[in-house]
Amino acid sequence: MLASLEALDSDLIAKAEAFEALTKQPACDFTRFAPARLAMTLASRRRATLLEATIYPTLSLHLPPADVEIVRNLRSDALRNLAFVSGHIGLWDTNRICERWAEYQAISAQMMFRLRVRIANERSALAPLIAKARSADARAVAEAERTMRIKAEIGRDGRGSSCAFPVREWAA
């Protein structure tokens, strides 16, 4: 699970960096900006899907109550962030962005900073919890990982969701 999360984090950061590079241009290039924004949104959705569908439920089942509370807090923070980002996207449609480019550049820099901090904080909190769950109930967590592999395979062959996430083995 951790390796899958790290892969999605890397993908999201790469998409965010490409997007960020466009926001540093002197003028808004709508033809490049909109696809980059969409790519970043889809990468974020894949990451959120992994967290919501696999990581949070698996940890909640295989950790002691004190650790489950940490997972609940992470999930609550993620949902609050989703609401915040959704509001940002709703407020800043592509027409408004291009009309108020200088203002959007400043706001976008803040959003990119928040994204990086959030990813780093979540990963540093989740890594030890994933390791703890794995050692507490390796068989059940291995089954969760097998399910992840099946979902990823369905997504790759076109029979399933476009939100399938890459699967990696447990990180040592």
C-alpha atoms as a PDB file:
ATOM      1  CA  MET A   1       0.000   0.000   0.000  1.00  0.00           C
ATOM      2  CA  LEU A   2       2.723   2.448   0.882  1.00  0.00           C
ATOM      3  CA  ALA A   3       4.507   1.936  -2.433  1.00  0.00           C
ATOM      4  CA  SER A   4       1.227   2.463  -4.299  1.00  0.00           C
ATOM      5  CA  LEU A   5       0.615   5.651  -2.350  1.00  0.00           C
ATOM      6  CA  GLU A   6       4.160   6.844  -3.044  1.00  0.00           C
ATOM      7  CA  ALA A   7       3.691   6.155  -6.768  1.00  0.00           C
ATOM      8  CA  LEU A   8       0.471   8.163  -6.810  1.00  0.00           C
ATOM      9  CA  ASP A   9       2.098  10.929  -4.777  1.00  0.00           C
ATOM     10  CA  SER A  10       4.944  11.114  -7.298  1.00  0.00           C
ATOM     11  CA  ASP A  11       2.493  11.224 -10.188  1.00  0.00           C
ATOM     12  CA  LEU A  12       0.447  13.961  -8.534  1.00  0.00           C
ATOM     13  CA  ILE A  13       3.551  16.023  -7.734  1.00  0.00           C
ATOM     14  CA  ALA A  14       4.766  15.656 -11.342  1.00  0.00           C
ATOM     15  CA  LYS A  15       1.372  16.830 -12.651  1.00  0.00           C
ATOM     16  CA  ALA A  16       1.381  19.687 -10.139  1.00  0.00           C
ATOM     17  CA  GLU A  17       4.875  20.752 -11.223  1.00  0.00           C
ATOM     18  CA  ALA A  18       3.799  20.791 -14.884  1.00  0.00           C
ATOM     19  CA  PHE A  19       0.761  22.849 -13.923  1.00  0.00           C
ATOM     20  CA  GLU A  20       2.851  25.129 -11.750  1.00  0.00           C
ATOM     21  CA  ALA A  21       5.277  25.772 -14.610  1.00  0.00           C
ATOM     22  CA  LEU A  22       2.357  27.028 -16.699  1.00  0.00           C
ATOM     23  CA  THR A  23       1.234  29.357 -13.915  1.00  0.00           C
ATOM     24  CA  LYS A  24       4.649  31.003 -13.973  1.00  0.00           C
ATOM     25  CA  GLN A  25       4.219  32.078 -17.587  1.00  0.00           C
ATOM     26  CA  PRO A  26       3.577  35.782 -18.220  1.00  0.00           C
ATOM     27  CA  ALA A  27       0.162  35.095 -19.799  1.00  0.00           C
ATOM     28  CA  CYS A  28      -2.492  32.413 -19.515  1.00  0.00           C
ATOM     29  CA  ASP A  29      -2.285  29.823 -22.301  1.00  0.00           C
ATOM     30  CA  PHE A  30      -5.744  28.277 -22.142  1.00  0.00           C
ATOM     31  CA  THR A  31      -4.926  25.495 -24.602  1.00  0.00           C
ATOM     32  CA  ARG A  32      -2.158  24.182 -22.339  1.00  0.00           C
ATOM     33  CA  PHE A  33      -3.544  25.283 -18.993  1.00  0.00           C
ATOM     34  CA  ALA A  34      -6.897  23.458 -19.064  1.00  0.00           C
ATOM     35  CA  PRO A  35      -5.443  20.004 -19.914  1.00  0.00           C
ATOM     36  CA  ALA A  36      -2.721  20.413 -17.263  1.00  0.00           C
ATOM     37  CA  ARG A  37      -5.320  21.350 -14.651  1.00  0.00           C
ATOM     38  CA  LEU A  38      -7.428  18.336 -15.619  1.00  0.00           C
ATOM     39  CA  ALA A  39      -4.410  16.001 -15.452  1.00  0.00           C
ATOM     40  CA  MET A  40      -3.617  17.247 -11.952  1.00  0.00           C
ATOM     41  CA  THR A  41      -7.249  16.828 -10.879  1.00  0.00           C
ATOM     42  CA  LEU A  42      -7.361  13.247 -12.190  1.00  0.00           C
ATOM     43  CA  ALA A  43      -4.085  12.378 -10.461  1.00  0.00           C
ATOM     44  CA  SER A  44      -5.486  13.773  -7.218  1.00  0.00           C
ATOM     45  CA  ARG A  45      -8.670  11.734  -7.686  1.00  0.00           C
ATOM     46  CA  ARG A  46      -6.678   8.514  -8.168  1.00  0.00           C
ATOM     47  CA  ARG A  47      -4.797   9.209  -4.955  1.00  0.00           C
ATOM     48  CA  ALA A  48      -8.005   9.990  -3.054  1.00  0.00           C
ATOM     49  CA  THR A  49      -9.573   6.791  -4.382  1.00  0.00           C
ATOM     50  CA  LEU A  50      -6.684   4.713  -3.054  1.00  0.00           C
ATOM     51  CA  LEU A  51      -6.933   6.383   0.344  1.00  0.00           C
ATOM     52  CA  GLU A  52     -10.734   6.139   0.610  1.00  0.00           C
ATOM     53  CA  ALA A  53     -11.259   2.705  -0.936  1.00  0.00           C
ATOM     54  CA  THR A  54      -8.258   0.829   0.399  1.00  0.00           C
ATOM     55  CA  ILE A  55      -5.868   2.480   2.806  1.00  0.00           C
ATOM     56  CA  TYR A  56      -8.246   4.092   5.307  1.00  0.00           C
ATOM     57  CA  PRO A  57     -10.584   1.055   5.536  1.00  0.00           C
ATOM     58  CA  THR A  58      -7.701  -1.424   5.801  1.00  0.00           C
ATOM     59  CA  LEU A  59      -5.983   0.558   8.528  1.00  0.00           C
ATOM     60  CA  SER A  60      -9.247   1.059  10.395  1.00  0.00           C
ATOM     61  CA  LEU A  61      -9.779  -2.699  10.506  1.00  0.00           C
ATOM     62  CA  HIS A  62      -6.264  -3.687  11.562  1.00  0.00           C
ATOM     63  CA  LEU A  63      -5.062  -1.055  14.000  1.00  0.00           C
ATOM     64  CA  PRO A  64      -5.745  -0.401  17.676  1.00  0.00           C
ATOM     65  CA  PRO A  65      -8.312   2.304  18.551  1.00  0.00           C
ATOM     66  CA  ALA A  66      -5.738   5.056  19.204  1.00  0.00           C
ATOM     67  CA  ASP A  67      -4.278   4.564  15.735  1.00  0.00           C
ATOM     68  CA  VAL A  68      -7.731   4.331  14.166  1.00  0.00           C
ATOM     69  CA  GLU A  69      -8.393   7.783  15.610  1.00  0.00           C
ATOM     70  CA  ILE A  70      -5.327   9.077  13.730  1.00  0.00           C
ATOM     71  CA  VAL A  71      -6.719   7.515  10.539  1.00  0.00           C
ATOM     72  CA  ARG A  72     -10.111   9.164  11.168  1.00  0.00           C
ATOM     73  CA  ASN A  73      -8.421  12.525  11.667  1.00  0.00           C
ATOM     74  CA  LEU A  74      -6.419  12.111   8.450  1.00  0.00           C
ATOM     75  CA  ARG A  75      -9.598  11.221   6.570  1.00  0.00           C
ATOM     76  CA  SER A  76     -11.464  14.208   8.049  1.00  0.00           C
ATOM     77  CA  ASP A  77      -8.616  16.517   7.082  1.00  0.00           C
ATOM     78  CA  ALA A  78      -8.635  15.055   3.563  1.00  0.00           C
ATOM     79  CA  LEU A  79     -12.375  15.633   3.229  1.00  0.00           C
ATOM     80  CA  ARG A  80     -12.046  19.228   4.455  1.00  0.00           C
ATOM     81  CA  ASN A  81      -9.253  19.743   1.940  1.00  0.00           C
ATOM     82  CA  LEU A  82     -11.406  18.261  -0.827  1.00  0.00           C
ATOM     83  CA  ALA A  83     -14.160  20.754  -0.009  1.00  0.00           C
ATOM     84  CA  PHE A  84     -11.638  23.604  -0.006  1.00  0.00           C
ATOM     85  CA  VAL A  85     -10.107  22.575  -3.345  1.00  0.00           C
ATOM     86  CA  SER A  86     -13.543  22.036  -4.887  1.00  0.00           C
ATOM     87  CA  GLY A  87     -14.498  25.554  -3.842  1.00  0.00           C
ATOM     88  CA  HIS A  88     -11.283  26.875  -5.380  1.00  0.00           C
ATOM     89  CA  ILE A  89     -11.948  25.061  -8.664  1.00  0.00           C
ATOM     90  CA  GLY A  90     -15.557  26.281  -8.708  1.00  0.00           C
ATOM     91  CA  LEU A  91     -14.528  29.857  -8.054  1.00  0.00           C
ATOM     92  CA  TRP A  92     -11.632  29.856 -10.495  1.00  0.00           C
ATOM     93  CA  ASP A  93     -13.000  28.561 -13.780  1.00  0.00           C
ATOM     94  CA  THR A  94     -10.654  28.789 -16.748  1.00  0.00           C
ATOM     95  CA  ASN A  95     -12.218  32.005 -18.082  1.00  0.00           C
ATOM     96  CA  ARG A  96     -11.773  33.784 -14.762  1.00  0.00           C
ATOM     97  CA  ILE A  97      -8.232  32.450 -14.447  1.00  0.00           C
ATOM     98  CA  CYS A  98      -7.221  33.899 -17.800  1.00  0.00           C
ATOM     99  CA  GLU A  99      -8.996  37.203 -17.092  1.00  0.00           C
ATOM    100  CA  ARG A 100      -7.296  37.599 -13.687  1.00  0.00           C
ATOM    101  CA  TRP A 101      -4.033  35.839 -14.426  1.00  0.00           C
ATOM    102  CA  ALA A 102      -1.758  37.743 -12.031  1.00  0.00           C
ATOM    103  CA  GLU A 103      -4.116  37.179  -9.107  1.00  0.00           C
ATOM    104  CA  TYR A 104      -4.478  33.513  -9.984  1.00  0.00           C
ATOM    105  CA  GLN A 105      -0.703  33.071 -10.164  1.00  0.00           C
ATOM    106  CA  ALA A 106      -0.367  34.141  -6.529  1.00  0.00           C
ATOM    107  CA  ILE A 107      -3.263  31.964  -5.367  1.00  0.00           C
ATOM    108  CA  SER A 108      -1.980  29.005  -7.350  1.00  0.00           C
ATOM    109  CA  ALA A 109       1.441  29.252  -5.693  1.00  0.00           C
ATOM    110  CA  GLN A 110      -0.269  29.012  -2.295  1.00  0.00           C
ATOM    111  CA  MET A 111      -2.329  26.019  -3.445  1.00  0.00           C
ATOM    112  CA  MET A 112       0.779  24.205  -4.708  1.00  0.00           C
ATOM    113  CA  PHE A 113       2.523  24.804  -1.393  1.00  0.00           C
ATOM    114  CA  ARG A 114      -0.506  23.417   0.492  1.00  0.00           C
ATOM    115  CA  LEU A 115      -0.544  20.357  -1.784  1.00  0.00           C
ATOM    116  CA  ARG A 116       3.096  19.529  -1.121  1.00  0.00           C
ATOM    117  CA  VAL A 117       2.753  19.993   2.632  1.00  0.00           C
ATOM    118  CA  ARG A 118      -0.425  17.886   2.743  1.00  0.00           C
ATOM    119  CA  ILE A 119       1.131  15.020   0.808  1.00  0.00           C
ATOM    120  CA  ALA A 120       4.263  15.036   2.964  1.00  0.00           C
ATOM    121  CA  ASN A 121       2.251  15.160   6.197  1.00  0.00           C
ATOM    122  CA  GLU A 122      -0.119  12.392   5.123  1.00  0.00           C
ATOM    123  CA  ARG A 123       2.689  10.147   3.993  1.00  0.00           C
ATOM    124  CA  SER A 124       4.678  10.658   7.189  1.00  0.00           C
ATOM    125  CA  ALA A 125       1.589   9.808   9.251  1.00  0.00           C
ATOM    126  CA  LEU A 126       0.474   6.866   7.112  1.00  0.00           C
ATOM    127  CA  ALA A 127       3.828   5.124   6.629  1.00  0.00           C
ATOM    128  CA  PRO A 128       4.189   3.908  10.231  1.00  0.00           C
ATOM    129  CA  LEU A 129       0.483   3.054  10.426  1.00  0.00           C
ATOM    130  CA  ILE A 130       0.683   0.920   7.285  1.00  0.00           C
ATOM    131  CA  ALA A 131       3.741  -0.858   8.658  1.00  0.00           C
ATOM    132  CA  LYS A 132       1.981  -1.452  11.968  1.00  0.00           C
ATOM    133  CA  ALA A 133      -1.143  -2.839  10.264  1.00  0.00           C
ATOM    134  CA  ARG A 134       0.967  -5.069   8.078  1.00  0.00           C
ATOM    135  CA  SER A 135       2.780  -6.586  11.030  1.00  0.00           C
ATOM    136  CA  ALA A 136      -0.416  -6.854  13.119  1.00  0.00           C
ATOM    137  CA  ASP A 137      -2.407  -8.757  10.507  1.00  0.00           C
ATOM    138  CA  ALA A 138      -0.203  -9.557   7.526  1.00  0.00           C
ATOM    139  CA  ARG A 139      -2.648 -12.031   5.993  1.00  0.00           C
ATOM    140  CA  ALA A 140      -5.629  -9.670   5.957  1.00  0.00           C
ATOM    141  CA  VAL A 141      -3.545  -6.761   4.714  1.00  0.00           C
ATOM    142  CA  ALA A 142      -2.073  -8.985   1.997  1.00  0.00           C
ATOM    143  CA  GLU A 143      -5.652  -9.749   0.913  1.00  0.00           C
ATOM    144  CA  ALA A 144      -6.354  -6.015   0.708  1.00  0.00           C
ATOM    145  CA  GLU A 145      -3.286  -5.647  -1.476  1.00  0.00           C
ATOM    146  CA  ARG A 146      -4.431  -8.526  -3.691  1.00  0.00           C
ATOM    147  CA  THR A 147      -7.726  -6.700  -4.147  1.00  0.00           C
ATOM    148  CA  MET A 148      -5.771  -3.589  -5.142  1.00  0.00           C
ATOM    149  CA  ARG A 149      -3.962  -5.617  -7.811  1.00  0.00           C
ATOM    150  CA  ILE A 150      -7.251  -6.916  -9.197  1.00  0.00           C
ATOM    151  CA  LYS A 151      -8.699  -3.402  -9.356  1.00  0.00           C
ATOM    152  CA  ALA A 152      -5.567  -2.152 -11.096  1.00  0.00           C
ATOM    153  CA  GLU A 153      -5.733  -4.968 -13.650  1.00  0.00           C
ATOM    154  CA  ILE A 154      -9.388  -4.224 -14.392  1.00  0.00           C
ATOM    155  CA  GLY A 155      -8.494  -0.561 -14.896  1.00  0.00           C
ATOM    156  CA  ARG A 156      -5.585  -1.402 -17.233  1.00  0.00           C
ATOM    157  CA  ASP A 157      -7.518  -3.629 -19.607  1.00  0.00           C
ATOM    158  CA  GLY A 158     -10.315  -1.135 -20.123  1.00  0.00           C
ATOM    159  CA  ARG A 159     -13.071  -3.130 -18.439  1.00  0.00           C
ATOM    160  CA  GLY A 160     -13.129  -0.995 -15.360  1.00  0.00           C
ATOM    161  CA  SER A 161     -12.742   2.431 -13.895  1.00  0.00           C
ATOM    162  CA  SER A 162     -10.363   4.988 -15.299  1.00  0.00           C
ATOM    163  CA  CYS A 163      -9.472   5.777 -11.692  1.00  0.00           C
ATOM    164  CA  ALA A 164      -7.530   2.554 -11.169  1.00  0.00           C
ATOM    165  CA  PHE A 165      -4.261   3.128  -9.367  1.00  0.00           C
ATOM    166  CA  PRO A 166      -0.870   1.560  -9.853  1.00  0.00           C
ATOM    167  CA  VAL A 167      -0.081  -1.249  -7.490  1.00  0.00           C
ATOM    168  CA  ARG A 168       3.306  -1.824  -5.957  1.00  0.00           C
ATOM    169  CA  GLU A 169       4.360  -4.430  -3.431  1.00  0.00           C
ATOM    170  CA  TRP A 170       4.791  -3.499   0.201  1.00  0.00           C
ATOM    171  CA  ALA A 171       7.734  -1.238   0.778  1.00  0.00           C
ATOM    172  CA  ALA A 172      10.322  -2.781   3.084  1.00  0.00           C
END
